[in-house]
């Protein structure tokens, strides 16, 4: 399955340049009415298994720049009532120094998590597009990135996605009377990933069966 991504802004005071540490919330838990632009909310407990794997050393979470280059380790991860809190250190490298400068200059000003949805359920709340909010109950976390991204609608958390993906999702959700093959052809036209298409098609089948 393809990694999904969500971002949240951090503040300059969350960065300790002397210790090269960044702290803050990599993801927040929202009510169903405060869904992101993908129609998703993340529930408390979604990251607990990933935190356990990180602490045991089974799968260490890394800090990346723009979901590409590793720039340091995640030192601490925990869930609280607000969301997924993290402390990470930027390694003492040439690129690490450059990243810290970009953070200080507010060029890189947001966290973005890379994860795979392993559990979700359908909310009774509808999005503004007319389909149910997806509640993510289990997310397999792989990395947290610092990214250059503007504030979102709620100044909290939002799905990172292309405009084409937004167009195809709205088209697919509205096309509940079309065949799955029609949806696949539509997705190919908009160049949407197979993983995201599979999720949308599954959601449509679920909606039709009700």
C-alpha atoms as a PDB file:
ATOM      1  CA  UNK A   1       0.000   0.000   0.000  1.00  0.00           C
ATOM      2  CA  UNK A   2       1.112   3.552  -0.671  1.00  0.00           C
ATOM      3  CA  UNK A   3       2.001   5.894   2.175  1.00  0.00           C
ATOM      4  CA  UNK A   4      -0.523   8.594   3.014  1.00  0.00           C
ATOM      5  CA  UNK A   5       0.558  11.960   4.360  1.00  0.00           C
ATOM      6  CA  UNK A   6      -0.858  14.542   6.740  1.00  0.00           C
ATOM      7  CA  UNK A   7       0.683  17.773   7.962  1.00  0.00           C
ATOM      8  CA  UNK A   8       0.492  20.109  10.926  1.00  0.00           C
ATOM      9  CA  UNK A   9       2.242  23.436  11.477  1.00  0.00           C
ATOM     10  CA  UNK A  10       4.874  23.852  14.189  1.00  0.00           C
ATOM     11  CA  UNK A  11       6.092  27.087  15.759  1.00  0.00           C
ATOM     12  CA  UNK A  12       9.588  28.517  15.865  1.00  0.00           C
ATOM     13  CA  UNK A  13       9.686  28.185  19.658  1.00  0.00           C
ATOM     14  CA  UNK A  14       9.320  24.424  19.210  1.00  0.00           C
ATOM     15  CA  UNK A  15      12.877  24.352  17.824  1.00  0.00           C
ATOM     16  CA  UNK A  16      15.931  24.300  20.095  1.00  0.00           C
ATOM     17  CA  UNK A  17      18.777  25.269  17.785  1.00  0.00           C
ATOM     18  CA  UNK A  18      21.459  24.641  20.407  1.00  0.00           C
ATOM     19  CA  UNK A  19      20.300  21.073  21.059  1.00  0.00           C
ATOM     20  CA  UNK A  20      19.182  20.657  17.416  1.00  0.00           C
ATOM     21  CA  UNK A  21      15.833  19.368  18.685  1.00  0.00           C
ATOM     22  CA  UNK A  22      12.309  19.848  17.343  1.00  0.00           C
ATOM     23  CA  UNK A  23       9.293  19.145  19.530  1.00  0.00           C
ATOM     24  CA  UNK A  24       5.600  19.362  18.855  1.00  0.00           C
ATOM     25  CA  UNK A  25       2.533  17.565  17.585  1.00  0.00           C
ATOM     26  CA  UNK A  26       3.013  15.561  14.417  1.00  0.00           C
ATOM     27  CA  UNK A  27      -0.711  14.754  14.282  1.00  0.00           C
ATOM     28  CA  UNK A  28      -3.785  15.911  16.187  1.00  0.00           C
ATOM     29  CA  UNK A  29      -7.030  14.181  17.077  1.00  0.00           C
ATOM     30  CA  UNK A  30     -10.082  16.010  15.757  1.00  0.00           C
ATOM     31  CA  UNK A  31     -13.859  15.704  16.063  1.00  0.00           C
ATOM     32  CA  UNK A  32     -15.750  14.336  13.060  1.00  0.00           C
ATOM     33  CA  UNK A  33     -16.876  17.839  12.062  1.00  0.00           C
ATOM     34  CA  UNK A  34     -13.263  19.019  11.781  1.00  0.00           C
ATOM     35  CA  UNK A  35     -12.261  16.623   9.041  1.00  0.00           C
ATOM     36  CA  UNK A  36      -9.362  17.409   6.729  1.00  0.00           C
ATOM     37  CA  UNK A  37      -9.481  17.981   2.983  1.00  0.00           C
ATOM     38  CA  UNK A  38      -9.527  14.240   2.410  1.00  0.00           C
ATOM     39  CA  UNK A  39     -12.582  13.845   4.628  1.00  0.00           C
ATOM     40  CA  UNK A  40     -10.535  12.145   7.378  1.00  0.00           C
ATOM     41  CA  UNK A  41     -10.102  12.445  11.136  1.00  0.00           C
ATOM     42  CA  UNK A  42      -7.588  10.542  13.271  1.00  0.00           C
ATOM     43  CA  UNK A  43      -8.726   8.899  16.505  1.00  0.00           C
ATOM     44  CA  UNK A  44      -6.766   8.570  19.740  1.00  0.00           C
ATOM     45  CA  UNK A  45      -4.972   5.231  19.868  1.00  0.00           C
ATOM     46  CA  UNK A  46      -4.241   5.174  16.146  1.00  0.00           C
ATOM     47  CA  UNK A  47      -0.467   5.409  16.676  1.00  0.00           C
ATOM     48  CA  UNK A  48      -0.028   3.303  19.818  1.00  0.00           C
ATOM     49  CA  UNK A  49       1.288   0.209  18.035  1.00  0.00           C
ATOM     50  CA  UNK A  50       3.753   2.302  16.023  1.00  0.00           C
ATOM     51  CA  UNK A  51       4.979   3.926  19.226  1.00  0.00           C
ATOM     52  CA  UNK A  52       5.519   0.496  20.791  1.00  0.00           C
ATOM     53  CA  UNK A  53       7.485  -0.693  17.759  1.00  0.00           C
ATOM     54  CA  UNK A  54       9.594   2.470  17.868  1.00  0.00           C
ATOM     55  CA  UNK A  55      10.383   2.041  21.568  1.00  0.00           C
ATOM     56  CA  UNK A  56      11.240  -1.651  21.174  1.00  0.00           C
ATOM     57  CA  UNK A  57      13.511  -0.924  18.206  1.00  0.00           C
ATOM     58  CA  UNK A  58      11.413  -3.038  15.849  1.00  0.00           C
ATOM     59  CA  UNK A  59      10.849  -0.061  13.577  1.00  0.00           C
ATOM     60  CA  UNK A  60      12.459   3.246  14.452  1.00  0.00           C
ATOM     61  CA  UNK A  61      10.679   6.370  13.271  1.00  0.00           C
ATOM     62  CA  UNK A  62      12.981   8.771  11.426  1.00  0.00           C
ATOM     63  CA  UNK A  63      12.868  12.506  10.838  1.00  0.00           C
ATOM     64  CA  UNK A  64      12.946  13.329   7.121  1.00  0.00           C
ATOM     65  CA  UNK A  65      13.072  16.435   5.000  1.00  0.00           C
ATOM     66  CA  UNK A  66      10.150  16.653   2.552  1.00  0.00           C
ATOM     67  CA  UNK A  67       9.549  12.866   2.788  1.00  0.00           C
ATOM     68  CA  UNK A  68      12.851  12.228   0.999  1.00  0.00           C
ATOM     69  CA  UNK A  69      16.112  12.582   2.912  1.00  0.00           C
ATOM     70  CA  UNK A  70      16.618  11.299   6.481  1.00  0.00           C
ATOM     71  CA  UNK A  71      17.934  14.118   8.663  1.00  0.00           C
ATOM     72  CA  UNK A  72      17.763  12.619  12.153  1.00  0.00           C
ATOM     73  CA  UNK A  73      16.095  10.270  14.646  1.00  0.00           C
ATOM     74  CA  UNK A  74      12.821  10.578  16.504  1.00  0.00           C
ATOM     75  CA  UNK A  75      13.814  10.663  20.178  1.00  0.00           C
ATOM     76  CA  UNK A  76      10.391  10.431  21.804  1.00  0.00           C
ATOM     77  CA  UNK A  77       6.863   9.655  20.621  1.00  0.00           C
ATOM     78  CA  UNK A  78       3.714   9.636  22.716  1.00  0.00           C
ATOM     79  CA  UNK A  79      -0.032  10.039  22.434  1.00  0.00           C
ATOM     80  CA  UNK A  80      -2.003  12.357  24.702  1.00  0.00           C
ATOM     81  CA  UNK A  81      -5.483  13.850  24.533  1.00  0.00           C
ATOM     82  CA  UNK A  82      -4.396  16.324  21.857  1.00  0.00           C
ATOM     83  CA  UNK A  83      -2.569  14.052  19.458  1.00  0.00           C
ATOM     84  CA  UNK A  84       0.773  12.488  18.589  1.00  0.00           C
ATOM     85  CA  UNK A  85       3.601  14.397  20.284  1.00  0.00           C
ATOM     86  CA  UNK A  86       7.165  14.022  19.092  1.00  0.00           C
ATOM     87  CA  UNK A  87      10.689  15.098  19.946  1.00  0.00           C
ATOM     88  CA  UNK A  88      13.284  14.644  17.194  1.00  0.00           C
ATOM     89  CA  UNK A  89      16.910  15.619  16.716  1.00  0.00           C
ATOM     90  CA  UNK A  90      18.411  16.995  13.516  1.00  0.00           C
ATOM     91  CA  UNK A  91      21.739  15.227  12.970  1.00  0.00           C
ATOM     92  CA  UNK A  92      24.985  17.200  12.778  1.00  0.00           C
ATOM     93  CA  UNK A  93      25.485  17.053   9.022  1.00  0.00           C
ATOM     94  CA  UNK A  94      25.804  19.643   6.286  1.00  0.00           C
ATOM     95  CA  UNK A  95      22.214  19.022   5.230  1.00  0.00           C
ATOM     96  CA  UNK A  96      21.089  19.029   8.859  1.00  0.00           C
ATOM     97  CA  UNK A  97      22.619  22.485   9.310  1.00  0.00           C
ATOM     98  CA  UNK A  98      20.848  23.678   6.177  1.00  0.00           C
ATOM     99  CA  UNK A  99      17.520  22.292   7.397  1.00  0.00           C
ATOM    100  CA  UNK A 100      17.858  24.063  10.753  1.00  0.00           C
ATOM    101  CA  UNK A 101      18.542  27.320   8.911  1.00  0.00           C
ATOM    102  CA  UNK A 102      15.448  26.791   6.753  1.00  0.00           C
ATOM    103  CA  UNK A 103      13.374  26.106   9.879  1.00  0.00           C
ATOM    104  CA  UNK A 104      14.745  29.225  11.570  1.00  0.00           C
ATOM    105  CA  UNK A 105      13.862  31.243   8.454  1.00  0.00           C
ATOM    106  CA  UNK A 106      10.344  29.710   8.492  1.00  0.00           C
ATOM    107  CA  UNK A 107      10.806  28.103   5.097  1.00  0.00           C
ATOM    108  CA  UNK A 108      10.221  24.653   6.543  1.00  0.00           C
ATOM    109  CA  UNK A 109       7.329  25.292   8.905  1.00  0.00           C
ATOM    110  CA  UNK A 110       5.213  22.157   9.154  1.00  0.00           C
ATOM    111  CA  UNK A 111       5.321  18.520  10.199  1.00  0.00           C
ATOM    112  CA  UNK A 112       4.028  15.876   7.825  1.00  0.00           C
ATOM    113  CA  UNK A 113       3.598  12.221   8.752  1.00  0.00           C
ATOM    114  CA  UNK A 114       4.004   9.314   6.367  1.00  0.00           C
ATOM    115  CA  UNK A 115       1.758   6.391   7.300  1.00  0.00           C
ATOM    116  CA  UNK A 116      -0.419   3.539   6.058  1.00  0.00           C
ATOM    117  CA  UNK A 117      -4.032   3.304   7.244  1.00  0.00           C
ATOM    118  CA  UNK A 118      -4.527  -0.133   8.842  1.00  0.00           C
ATOM    119  CA  UNK A 119      -7.943   0.459  10.394  1.00  0.00           C
ATOM    120  CA  UNK A 120     -10.799   2.840   9.710  1.00  0.00           C
ATOM    121  CA  UNK A 121     -14.537   3.202  10.124  1.00  0.00           C
ATOM    122  CA  UNK A 122     -17.272   5.291   8.614  1.00  0.00           C
ATOM    123  CA  UNK A 123     -18.727   8.229  10.540  1.00  0.00           C
ATOM    124  CA  UNK A 124     -22.380   9.261  10.531  1.00  0.00           C
ATOM    125  CA  UNK A 125     -21.113  12.798   9.846  1.00  0.00           C
ATOM    126  CA  UNK A 126     -21.070  13.811   6.189  1.00  0.00           C
ATOM    127  CA  UNK A 127     -18.389  15.929   4.568  1.00  0.00           C
ATOM    128  CA  UNK A 128     -19.232  19.002   2.513  1.00  0.00           C
ATOM    129  CA  UNK A 129     -18.911  16.750  -0.544  1.00  0.00           C
ATOM    130  CA  UNK A 130     -21.737  14.561   0.696  1.00  0.00           C
ATOM    131  CA  UNK A 131     -19.902  11.380   1.691  1.00  0.00           C
ATOM    132  CA  UNK A 132     -19.186  10.103   5.230  1.00  0.00           C
ATOM    133  CA  UNK A 133     -16.124  11.191   7.161  1.00  0.00           C
ATOM    134  CA  UNK A 134     -13.469   8.453   7.360  1.00  0.00           C
ATOM    135  CA  UNK A 135     -12.293   7.838  10.931  1.00  0.00           C
ATOM    136  CA  UNK A 136      -8.727   6.495  11.006  1.00  0.00           C
ATOM    137  CA  UNK A 137      -8.500   4.154  13.997  1.00  0.00           C
ATOM    138  CA  UNK A 138      -5.120   2.566  13.262  1.00  0.00           C
ATOM    139  CA  UNK A 139      -2.218   4.137  11.394  1.00  0.00           C
ATOM    140  CA  UNK A 140       1.124   2.454  10.778  1.00  0.00           C
ATOM    141  CA  UNK A 141       3.580   5.340  11.144  1.00  0.00           C
ATOM    142  CA  UNK A 142       6.802   5.271   9.130  1.00  0.00           C
ATOM    143  CA  UNK A 143       8.266   8.754   9.295  1.00  0.00           C
ATOM    144  CA  UNK A 144       7.768  12.380  10.241  1.00  0.00           C
ATOM    145  CA  UNK A 145       8.978  15.072   7.868  1.00  0.00           C
ATOM    146  CA  UNK A 146       9.629  18.785   8.094  1.00  0.00           C
ATOM    147  CA  UNK A 147       8.084  20.376   5.031  1.00  0.00           C
ATOM    148  CA  UNK A 148       7.445  23.731   3.399  1.00  0.00           C
ATOM    149  CA  UNK A 149       3.659  23.951   3.472  1.00  0.00           C
ATOM    150  CA  UNK A 150       1.214  26.764   4.243  1.00  0.00           C
ATOM    151  CA  UNK A 151      -1.296  26.690   7.089  1.00  0.00           C
ATOM    152  CA  UNK A 152      -4.423  24.639   6.496  1.00  0.00           C
ATOM    153  CA  UNK A 153      -8.072  25.544   6.993  1.00  0.00           C
ATOM    154  CA  UNK A 154      -8.047  24.715  10.724  1.00  0.00           C
ATOM    155  CA  UNK A 155      -4.382  25.689  11.320  1.00  0.00           C
ATOM    156  CA  UNK A 156      -3.941  22.106  12.501  1.00  0.00           C
ATOM    157  CA  UNK A 157      -3.909  19.070  10.240  1.00  0.00           C
ATOM    158  CA  UNK A 158      -4.658  18.327   6.619  1.00  0.00           C
ATOM    159  CA  UNK A 159      -4.019  15.704   3.978  1.00  0.00           C
ATOM    160  CA  UNK A 160      -1.198  16.450   1.533  1.00  0.00           C
ATOM    161  CA  UNK A 161      -2.551  15.719  -1.907  1.00  0.00           C
ATOM    162  CA  UNK A 162      -2.485  17.042  -5.446  1.00  0.00           C
ATOM    163  CA  UNK A 163      -5.299  19.005  -7.066  1.00  0.00           C
ATOM    164  CA  UNK A 164      -5.823  16.107  -9.434  1.00  0.00           C
ATOM    165  CA  UNK A 165      -6.374  13.759  -6.508  1.00  0.00           C
ATOM    166  CA  UNK A 166      -8.953  16.175  -5.098  1.00  0.00           C
ATOM    167  CA  UNK A 167     -10.790  16.269  -8.404  1.00  0.00           C
ATOM    168  CA  UNK A 168     -10.875  12.509  -8.824  1.00  0.00           C
ATOM    169  CA  UNK A 169     -12.037  11.864  -5.277  1.00  0.00           C
ATOM    170  CA  UNK A 170     -14.973  14.223  -5.622  1.00  0.00           C
ATOM    171  CA  UNK A 171     -15.805  12.750  -9.020  1.00  0.00           C
ATOM    172  CA  UNK A 172     -15.565   9.184  -7.725  1.00  0.00           C
ATOM    173  CA  UNK A 173     -17.657   9.863  -4.646  1.00  0.00           C
ATOM    174  CA  UNK A 174     -20.354  11.452  -6.791  1.00  0.00           C
ATOM    175  CA  UNK A 175     -20.292   8.531  -9.225  1.00  0.00           C
ATOM    176  CA  UNK A 176     -21.669   5.845  -6.918  1.00  0.00           C
ATOM    177  CA  UNK A 177     -23.771   4.426  -9.773  1.00  0.00           C
ATOM    178  CA  UNK A 178     -20.723   3.762 -11.944  1.00  0.00           C
ATOM    179  CA  UNK A 179     -18.909   0.443 -12.125  1.00  0.00           C
ATOM    180  CA  UNK A 180     -15.595  -0.082 -10.353  1.00  0.00           C
ATOM    181  CA  UNK A 181     -13.948  -0.444 -13.764  1.00  0.00           C
ATOM    182  CA  UNK A 182     -15.337   2.949 -14.790  1.00  0.00           C
ATOM    183  CA  UNK A 183     -13.840   4.416 -11.640  1.00  0.00           C
ATOM    184  CA  UNK A 184     -10.478   2.839 -12.421  1.00  0.00           C
ATOM    185  CA  UNK A 185     -10.513   4.355 -15.898  1.00  0.00           C
ATOM    186  CA  UNK A 186     -11.426   7.710 -14.382  1.00  0.00           C
ATOM    187  CA  UNK A 187      -8.603   7.400 -11.875  1.00  0.00           C
ATOM    188  CA  UNK A 188      -6.090   6.590 -14.604  1.00  0.00           C
ATOM    189  CA  UNK A 189      -7.221   9.701 -16.440  1.00  0.00           C
ATOM    190  CA  UNK A 190      -6.389  11.803 -13.380  1.00  0.00           C
ATOM    191  CA  UNK A 191      -3.253   9.747 -12.549  1.00  0.00           C
ATOM    192  CA  UNK A 192      -4.377   8.804  -9.028  1.00  0.00           C
ATOM    193  CA  UNK A 193      -2.420   6.148  -7.135  1.00  0.00           C
ATOM    194  CA  UNK A 194      -3.718   2.584  -7.098  1.00  0.00           C
ATOM    195  CA  UNK A 195      -3.707   2.512  -3.297  1.00  0.00           C
ATOM    196  CA  UNK A 196      -5.909   5.576  -2.967  1.00  0.00           C
ATOM    197  CA  UNK A 197      -8.212   4.325  -5.731  1.00  0.00           C
ATOM    198  CA  UNK A 198      -8.642   0.998  -3.942  1.00  0.00           C
ATOM    199  CA  UNK A 199      -9.709   2.821  -0.782  1.00  0.00           C
ATOM    200  CA  UNK A 200     -12.186   5.032  -2.629  1.00  0.00           C
ATOM    201  CA  UNK A 201     -13.681   2.077  -4.492  1.00  0.00           C
ATOM    202  CA  UNK A 202     -13.996   0.137  -1.233  1.00  0.00           C
ATOM    203  CA  UNK A 203     -15.776   3.088   0.353  1.00  0.00           C
ATOM    204  CA  UNK A 204     -18.180   3.292  -2.559  1.00  0.00           C
ATOM    205  CA  UNK A 205     -18.980  -0.393  -2.347  1.00  0.00           C
ATOM    206  CA  UNK A 206     -19.625   0.066   1.377  1.00  0.00           C
ATOM    207  CA  UNK A 207     -21.971   2.977   0.685  1.00  0.00           C
ATOM    208  CA  UNK A 208     -23.864   1.022  -1.978  1.00  0.00           C
ATOM    209  CA  UNK A 209     -24.404  -1.937   0.342  1.00  0.00           C
ATOM    210  CA  UNK A 210     -26.149   0.166   2.964  1.00  0.00           C
END
